[in-house]
Structures are given as C-alpha cells and as structure tokens.
Amino acid sequence: MKQIIVMRRTFNGKRVRTGKMIAQGAHASMAAILQRNPSGPSSLKDDPRITEWLSTAFTKITVYVDSEEELLAVYEKAKAADLITALIQDAGRTEFKGVKTYTAVAVGPDTNENLAPITGQLPLL
C-alpha cells in the first residue's frame, strides 16, 4: 500500500518554491485520508485501504507534472478508477499573486497495481 502525491512544479512558467510544494503535498496527503467536520475535529475516512496503509509504513511517493491540465487529468483518472484522491487548490495569498491555483493531488493509499495505471508514468520529484 502506498500513496502517490502529484505536485505541480510550475506556474506561469516559473518553478514553485520548494517549501510551498512541500506544504501543498502535505495538504493533499492529509485531505485524502481525513473526513473534514466543520463543526468539530476531523476524523479518518472510513476506508479499509486507509487503515491498512496507516498500520504499515504508510509509504508516500512524490511525482510531478508541469501544468494544471496534467494535474487535473490525474485527478479525474483517479476518481474514475474509484481511488481515494484529493485535489488541493491554493488560495493564492502568497506564491500565486492572488490567483487560486491547483497545486497537488494525492492518489491513494492503494496497491501499486491500482495506482500504476494512473501515476506510474510520472517522473519522480
């Protein structure tokens, strides 16, 4: 079991700062496994894949794309394959000059067999 974190590396032709990418990837990883509760604390989603992943080494692999279109395509493929997934949109308050921007997608946790068709061709970050 592992989770793939897909990072968008560029915005308007410029590389995103490393610290920003790390934060956005962490947001994606957490959003994929947590059920948000506006009136109280968040809790783990009720999914055996998450429980199994957390009971092992909870492996994460980080890969990248260079465009919003590529990022959204990964997200749509993951949803269509019924994989756990989360798409992160940054509010634009710091790095992206006021523009809300899609920055990261978490896919999984799931098996390599299920993840590979969606993310297996993407380069490691």
N, C-alpha and C. Protein backbone atom coordinates (compact mmCIF):
# COMPACT_ATOMS: atom_id res chain seq x y z
N MET A 1 0.84 -1.18 0.00
CA MET A 1 0.00 0.00 0.00
C MET A 1 0.89 1.24 0.00
N LYS A 2 0.48 2.21 -0.81
CA LYS A 2 1.21 3.47 -0.83
C LYS A 2 0.29 4.58 -1.31
N GLN A 3 0.75 5.78 -1.11
CA GLN A 3 0.05 6.97 -1.59
C GLN A 3 0.98 7.69 -2.54
N ILE A 4 0.43 8.17 -3.65
CA ILE A 4 1.21 8.94 -4.61
C ILE A 4 0.78 10.40 -4.47
N ILE A 5 1.75 11.28 -4.30
CA ILE A 5 1.47 12.71 -4.23
C ILE A 5 2.00 13.33 -5.51
N VAL A 6 1.10 13.93 -6.26
CA VAL A 6 1.43 14.53 -7.56
C VAL A 6 1.51 16.04 -7.36
N MET A 7 2.68 16.60 -7.64
CA MET A 7 2.91 18.02 -7.43
C MET A 7 2.96 18.74 -8.77
N ARG A 8 2.37 19.91 -8.81
CA ARG A 8 2.51 20.80 -9.96
C ARG A 8 3.75 21.64 -9.72
N ARG A 9 4.74 21.51 -10.60
CA ARG A 9 6.04 22.16 -10.40
C ARG A 9 6.12 23.58 -10.88
N THR A 10 5.31 23.94 -11.86
CA THR A 10 5.45 25.28 -12.44
C THR A 10 4.12 26.01 -12.45
N PHE A 11 4.22 27.33 -12.44
CA PHE A 11 3.06 28.22 -12.53
C PHE A 11 3.49 29.40 -13.37
N ASN A 12 2.79 29.61 -14.48
CA ASN A 12 3.17 30.68 -15.43
C ASN A 12 4.64 30.61 -15.82
N GLY A 13 5.12 29.40 -16.05
CA GLY A 13 6.49 29.20 -16.50
C GLY A 13 7.56 29.29 -15.42
N LYS A 14 7.19 29.56 -14.18
CA LYS A 14 8.17 29.65 -13.09
C LYS A 14 8.01 28.47 -12.15
N ARG A 15 9.13 28.02 -11.60
CA ARG A 15 9.13 26.93 -10.63
C ARG A 15 8.53 27.41 -9.32
N VAL A 16 7.73 26.57 -8.71
CA VAL A 16 7.16 26.85 -7.40
C VAL A 16 8.25 26.61 -6.35
N ARG A 17 8.29 27.46 -5.33
CA ARG A 17 9.28 27.30 -4.25
C ARG A 17 9.14 25.92 -3.60
N THR A 18 10.26 25.36 -3.18
CA THR A 18 10.28 24.03 -2.57
C THR A 18 9.40 23.98 -1.33
N GLY A 19 9.48 24.97 -0.47
CA GLY A 19 8.67 24.98 0.75
C GLY A 19 7.19 24.99 0.44
N LYS A 20 6.79 25.73 -0.58
CA LYS A 20 5.38 25.78 -0.97
C LYS A 20 4.94 24.42 -1.47
N MET A 21 5.78 23.76 -2.29
CA MET A 21 5.42 22.44 -2.79
C MET A 21 5.27 21.45 -1.64
N ILE A 22 6.17 21.49 -0.66
CA ILE A 22 6.08 20.57 0.47
C ILE A 22 4.78 20.78 1.22
N ALA A 23 4.43 22.03 1.49
CA ALA A 23 3.18 22.32 2.21
C ALA A 23 1.97 21.83 1.42
N GLN A 24 1.94 22.08 0.13
CA GLN A 24 0.80 21.67 -0.68
C GLN A 24 0.68 20.14 -0.76
N GLY A 25 1.82 19.45 -0.84
CA GLY A 25 1.81 17.99 -0.84
C GLY A 25 1.30 17.43 0.48
N ALA A 26 1.68 18.07 1.59
CA ALA A 26 1.19 17.64 2.90
C ALA A 26 -0.32 17.85 2.99
N HIS A 27 -0.80 18.97 2.47
CA HIS A 27 -2.25 19.21 2.45
C HIS A 27 -2.96 18.09 1.69
N ALA A 28 -2.43 17.73 0.53
CA ALA A 28 -3.06 16.70 -0.29
C ALA A 28 -3.09 15.35 0.43
N SER A 29 -1.97 14.98 1.02
CA SER A 29 -1.90 13.70 1.73
C SER A 29 -2.93 13.63 2.86
N MET A 30 -3.00 14.68 3.64
CA MET A 30 -3.95 14.72 4.76
C MET A 30 -5.39 14.74 4.26
N ALA A 31 -5.67 15.55 3.24
CA ALA A 31 -7.04 15.68 2.74
C ALA A 31 -7.56 14.34 2.19
N ALA A 32 -6.67 13.52 1.65
CA ALA A 32 -7.09 12.25 1.09
C ALA A 32 -7.58 11.28 2.16
N ILE A 33 -7.06 11.38 3.36
CA ILE A 33 -7.40 10.39 4.38
C ILE A 33 -8.33 10.91 5.48
N LEU A 34 -8.52 12.22 5.55
CA LEU A 34 -9.34 12.79 6.62
C LEU A 34 -10.72 13.21 6.13
N GLN A 35 -11.69 12.97 6.96
CA GLN A 35 -13.05 13.44 6.75
C GLN A 35 -13.17 14.75 7.53
N ARG A 36 -13.32 15.87 6.83
CA ARG A 36 -13.39 17.17 7.50
C ARG A 36 -14.77 17.36 8.10
N ASN A 37 -14.79 17.92 9.30
CA ASN A 37 -16.03 18.19 10.01
C ASN A 37 -16.03 19.66 10.41
N PRO A 38 -16.83 20.49 9.74
CA PRO A 38 -16.81 21.93 10.03
C PRO A 38 -17.17 22.28 11.46
N SER A 39 -17.95 21.43 12.13
CA SER A 39 -18.38 21.75 13.49
C SER A 39 -17.57 21.05 14.57
N GLY A 40 -16.52 20.34 14.18
CA GLY A 40 -15.72 19.62 15.18
C GLY A 40 -14.44 19.10 14.58
N PRO A 41 -13.77 18.21 15.31
CA PRO A 41 -12.49 17.70 14.81
C PRO A 41 -12.66 16.79 13.59
N SER A 42 -11.65 16.80 12.76
CA SER A 42 -11.63 15.89 11.61
C SER A 42 -11.38 14.47 12.11
N SER A 43 -11.76 13.50 11.28
CA SER A 43 -11.52 12.10 11.63
C SER A 43 -11.09 11.35 10.38
N LEU A 44 -10.53 10.15 10.58
CA LEU A 44 -10.14 9.34 9.43
C LEU A 44 -11.37 8.92 8.63
N LYS A 45 -11.23 8.92 7.33
CA LYS A 45 -12.30 8.39 6.48
C LYS A 45 -12.44 6.90 6.77
N ASP A 46 -13.65 6.42 6.71
CA ASP A 46 -13.92 5.01 6.97
C ASP A 46 -13.66 4.21 5.71
N ASP A 47 -12.40 3.83 5.52
CA ASP A 47 -11.99 3.10 4.33
C ASP A 47 -10.90 2.12 4.73
N PRO A 48 -11.07 0.84 4.48
CA PRO A 48 -10.06 -0.15 4.90
C PRO A 48 -8.69 0.07 4.26
N ARG A 49 -8.65 0.71 3.10
CA ARG A 49 -7.35 0.98 2.47
C ARG A 49 -6.53 1.95 3.32
N ILE A 50 -7.20 2.92 3.93
CA ILE A 50 -6.52 3.89 4.78
C ILE A 50 -6.02 3.21 6.05
N THR A 51 -6.87 2.40 6.66
CA THR A 51 -6.49 1.69 7.89
C THR A 51 -5.29 0.79 7.64
N GLU A 52 -5.32 0.04 6.54
CA GLU A 52 -4.20 -0.86 6.21
C GLU A 52 -2.92 -0.07 5.99
N TRP A 53 -3.01 1.01 5.24
CA TRP A 53 -1.84 1.85 4.94
C TRP A 53 -1.23 2.41 6.21
N LEU A 54 -2.07 2.92 7.10
CA LEU A 54 -1.57 3.52 8.35
C LEU A 54 -1.00 2.48 9.31
N SER A 55 -1.39 1.21 9.16
CA SER A 55 -0.87 0.17 10.04
C SER A 55 0.47 -0.37 9.55
N THR A 56 0.93 0.10 8.39
CA THR A 56 2.24 -0.31 7.87
C THR A 56 3.16 0.92 7.85
N ALA A 57 4.02 1.02 6.88
CA ALA A 57 4.98 2.13 6.82
C ALA A 57 4.39 3.40 6.24
N PHE A 58 3.11 3.41 5.86
CA PHE A 58 2.41 4.47 5.14
C PHE A 58 3.32 5.21 4.15
N THR A 59 3.77 4.43 3.18
CA THR A 59 4.68 4.89 2.13
C THR A 59 4.03 5.97 1.27
N LYS A 60 4.82 7.00 0.98
CA LYS A 60 4.40 8.06 0.07
C LYS A 60 5.46 8.21 -1.02
N ILE A 61 5.03 8.37 -2.25
CA ILE A 61 5.91 8.62 -3.38
C ILE A 61 5.49 9.95 -3.98
N THR A 62 6.46 10.82 -4.28
CA THR A 62 6.14 12.13 -4.85
C THR A 62 6.61 12.20 -6.29
N VAL A 63 5.69 12.56 -7.16
CA VAL A 63 5.96 12.70 -8.58
C VAL A 63 5.51 14.10 -9.00
N TYR A 64 5.75 14.46 -10.25
CA TYR A 64 5.37 15.81 -10.65
C TYR A 64 4.78 15.88 -12.05
N VAL A 65 4.06 16.98 -12.26
CA VAL A 65 3.58 17.41 -13.57
C VAL A 65 3.94 18.88 -13.70
N ASP A 66 3.88 19.41 -14.91
CA ASP A 66 4.26 20.80 -15.13
C ASP A 66 3.10 21.70 -15.55
N SER A 67 1.87 21.18 -15.50
CA SER A 67 0.75 22.04 -15.89
C SER A 67 -0.50 21.69 -15.09
N GLU A 68 -1.39 22.66 -15.03
CA GLU A 68 -2.68 22.44 -14.37
C GLU A 68 -3.47 21.36 -15.11
N GLU A 69 -3.41 21.36 -16.42
CA GLU A 69 -4.14 20.38 -17.21
C GLU A 69 -3.71 18.96 -16.86
N GLU A 70 -2.40 18.74 -16.75
CA GLU A 70 -1.89 17.42 -16.38
C GLU A 70 -2.35 17.03 -14.98
N LEU A 71 -2.29 17.98 -14.05
CA LEU A 71 -2.70 17.72 -12.67
C LEU A 71 -4.17 17.32 -12.61
N LEU A 72 -5.02 18.09 -13.28
CA LEU A 72 -6.45 17.80 -13.28
C LEU A 72 -6.76 16.47 -13.97
N ALA A 73 -5.99 16.13 -14.99
CA ALA A 73 -6.19 14.85 -15.68
C ALA A 73 -5.89 13.68 -14.75
N VAL A 74 -4.83 13.79 -13.95
CA VAL A 74 -4.52 12.73 -12.97
C VAL A 74 -5.67 12.59 -11.97
N TYR A 75 -6.15 13.71 -11.48
CA TYR A 75 -7.25 13.70 -10.51
C TYR A 75 -8.49 13.03 -11.10
N GLU A 76 -8.85 13.38 -12.32
CA GLU A 76 -10.04 12.81 -12.95
C GLU A 76 -9.87 11.31 -13.19
N LYS A 77 -8.69 10.89 -13.62
CA LYS A 77 -8.43 9.45 -13.83
C LYS A 77 -8.53 8.69 -12.52
N ALA A 78 -8.00 9.26 -11.44
CA ALA A 78 -8.05 8.61 -10.13
C ALA A 78 -9.49 8.47 -9.66
N LYS A 79 -10.27 9.53 -9.82
CA LYS A 79 -11.69 9.46 -9.43
C LYS A 79 -12.42 8.40 -10.26
N ALA A 80 -12.17 8.38 -11.56
CA ALA A 80 -12.85 7.42 -12.44
C ALA A 80 -12.48 5.98 -12.09
N ALA A 81 -11.28 5.78 -11.55
CA ALA A 81 -10.82 4.45 -11.16
C ALA A 81 -11.25 4.09 -9.73
N ASP A 82 -12.03 4.95 -9.10
CA ASP A 82 -12.54 4.75 -7.74
C ASP A 82 -11.41 4.65 -6.71
N LEU A 83 -10.36 5.46 -6.94
CA LEU A 83 -9.27 5.54 -5.98
C LEU A 83 -9.53 6.68 -5.01
N ILE A 84 -8.98 6.56 -3.82
CA ILE A 84 -9.01 7.66 -2.87
C ILE A 84 -8.20 8.79 -3.48
N THR A 85 -8.72 9.99 -3.48
CA THR A 85 -7.99 11.10 -4.08
C THR A 85 -8.40 12.43 -3.46
N ALA A 86 -7.50 13.38 -3.51
CA ALA A 86 -7.79 14.74 -3.03
C ALA A 86 -7.04 15.72 -3.91
N LEU A 87 -7.76 16.75 -4.33
CA LEU A 87 -7.21 17.82 -5.16
C LEU A 87 -7.09 19.07 -4.29
N ILE A 88 -5.91 19.69 -4.30
CA ILE A 88 -5.67 20.88 -3.48
C ILE A 88 -5.62 22.12 -4.36
N GLN A 89 -6.36 23.13 -3.93
CA GLN A 89 -6.33 24.43 -4.60
C GLN A 89 -5.83 25.46 -3.59
N ASP A 90 -4.70 26.06 -3.90
CA ASP A 90 -4.12 27.10 -3.05
C ASP A 90 -4.95 28.38 -3.18
N ALA A 91 -5.09 29.10 -2.07
CA ALA A 91 -5.90 30.32 -2.05
C ALA A 91 -5.23 31.48 -2.77
N GLY A 92 -3.93 31.40 -3.02
CA GLY A 92 -3.23 32.45 -3.77
C GLY A 92 -2.74 33.61 -2.94
N ARG A 93 -2.71 33.46 -1.64
CA ARG A 93 -2.32 34.59 -0.79
C ARG A 93 -0.82 34.87 -0.78
N THR A 94 0.00 33.91 -1.15
CA THR A 94 1.45 34.14 -1.10
C THR A 94 2.10 33.93 -2.46
N GLU A 95 2.26 32.72 -2.85
CA GLU A 95 3.05 32.35 -4.03
C GLU A 95 2.42 32.75 -5.36
N PHE A 96 1.10 32.72 -5.46
CA PHE A 96 0.45 32.80 -6.76
C PHE A 96 -0.24 34.13 -7.04
N LYS A 97 0.18 35.17 -6.36
CA LYS A 97 -0.24 36.54 -6.64
C LYS A 97 -1.75 36.73 -6.73
N GLY A 98 -2.45 36.16 -5.74
CA GLY A 98 -3.89 36.34 -5.65
C GLY A 98 -4.73 35.42 -6.52
N VAL A 99 -4.10 34.52 -7.25
CA VAL A 99 -4.82 33.61 -8.15
C VAL A 99 -4.97 32.25 -7.48
N LYS A 100 -6.21 31.81 -7.31
CA LYS A 100 -6.43 30.45 -6.80
C LYS A 100 -5.84 29.47 -7.80
N THR A 101 -5.05 28.52 -7.29
CA THR A 101 -4.25 27.67 -8.16
C THR A 101 -4.27 26.22 -7.68
N TYR A 102 -4.55 25.29 -8.59
CA TYR A 102 -4.45 23.87 -8.26
C TYR A 102 -2.97 23.50 -8.18
N THR A 103 -2.58 22.89 -7.06
CA THR A 103 -1.16 22.66 -6.80
C THR A 103 -0.77 21.20 -6.62
N ALA A 104 -1.67 20.36 -6.12
CA ALA A 104 -1.29 19.00 -5.76
C ALA A 104 -2.50 18.08 -5.78
N VAL A 105 -2.22 16.81 -6.00
CA VAL A 105 -3.22 15.75 -5.92
C VAL A 105 -2.60 14.59 -5.16
N ALA A 106 -3.33 14.05 -4.21
CA ALA A 106 -2.94 12.79 -3.58
C ALA A 106 -3.80 11.70 -4.19
N VAL A 107 -3.17 10.58 -4.51
CA VAL A 107 -3.88 9.42 -5.04
C VAL A 107 -3.53 8.24 -4.14
N GLY A 108 -4.55 7.65 -3.56
CA GLY A 108 -4.34 6.54 -2.65
C GLY A 108 -4.42 7.01 -1.21
N PRO A 109 -4.21 6.08 -0.33
CA PRO A 109 -3.47 4.84 -0.46
C PRO A 109 -4.22 3.74 -1.21
N ASP A 110 -3.40 2.94 -1.89
CA ASP A 110 -3.92 1.77 -2.60
C ASP A 110 -2.73 0.92 -3.01
N THR A 111 -3.01 -0.14 -3.72
CA THR A 111 -1.96 -1.05 -4.16
C THR A 111 -1.23 -0.47 -5.38
N ASN A 112 -0.02 -0.92 -5.57
CA ASN A 112 0.73 -0.49 -6.75
C ASN A 112 -0.01 -0.87 -8.03
N GLU A 113 -0.65 -2.02 -8.02
CA GLU A 113 -1.41 -2.48 -9.20
C GLU A 113 -2.51 -1.49 -9.58
N ASN A 114 -3.16 -0.90 -8.59
CA ASN A 114 -4.23 0.05 -8.87
C ASN A 114 -3.71 1.46 -9.16
N LEU A 115 -2.58 1.82 -8.57
CA LEU A 115 -2.03 3.17 -8.74
C LEU A 115 -1.24 3.33 -10.04
N ALA A 116 -0.53 2.30 -10.45
CA ALA A 116 0.37 2.39 -11.60
C ALA A 116 -0.29 2.90 -12.88
N PRO A 117 -1.50 2.47 -13.23
CA PRO A 117 -2.10 2.99 -14.47
C PRO A 117 -2.39 4.50 -14.42
N ILE A 118 -2.51 5.06 -13.24
CA ILE A 118 -2.83 6.47 -13.09
C ILE A 118 -1.58 7.33 -12.99
N THR A 119 -0.58 6.86 -12.23
CA THR A 119 0.58 7.69 -11.91
C THR A 119 1.93 7.07 -12.29
N GLY A 120 1.92 5.84 -12.76
CA GLY A 120 3.17 5.14 -13.00
C GLY A 120 4.10 5.76 -14.02
N GLN A 121 3.56 6.56 -14.93
CA GLN A 121 4.37 7.18 -15.98
C GLN A 121 4.94 8.52 -15.57
N LEU A 122 4.57 9.03 -14.39
CA LEU A 122 5.02 10.36 -13.97
C LEU A 122 6.41 10.31 -13.36
N PRO A 123 7.25 11.31 -13.63
CA PRO A 123 8.62 11.30 -13.10
C PRO A 123 8.64 11.62 -11.61
N LEU A 124 9.62 11.01 -10.93
CA LEU A 124 9.82 11.29 -9.50
C LEU A 124 10.25 12.72 -9.30
N LEU A 125 9.79 13.34 -8.24
CA LEU A 125 10.18 14.70 -7.91
C LEU A 125 11.51 14.67 -7.19
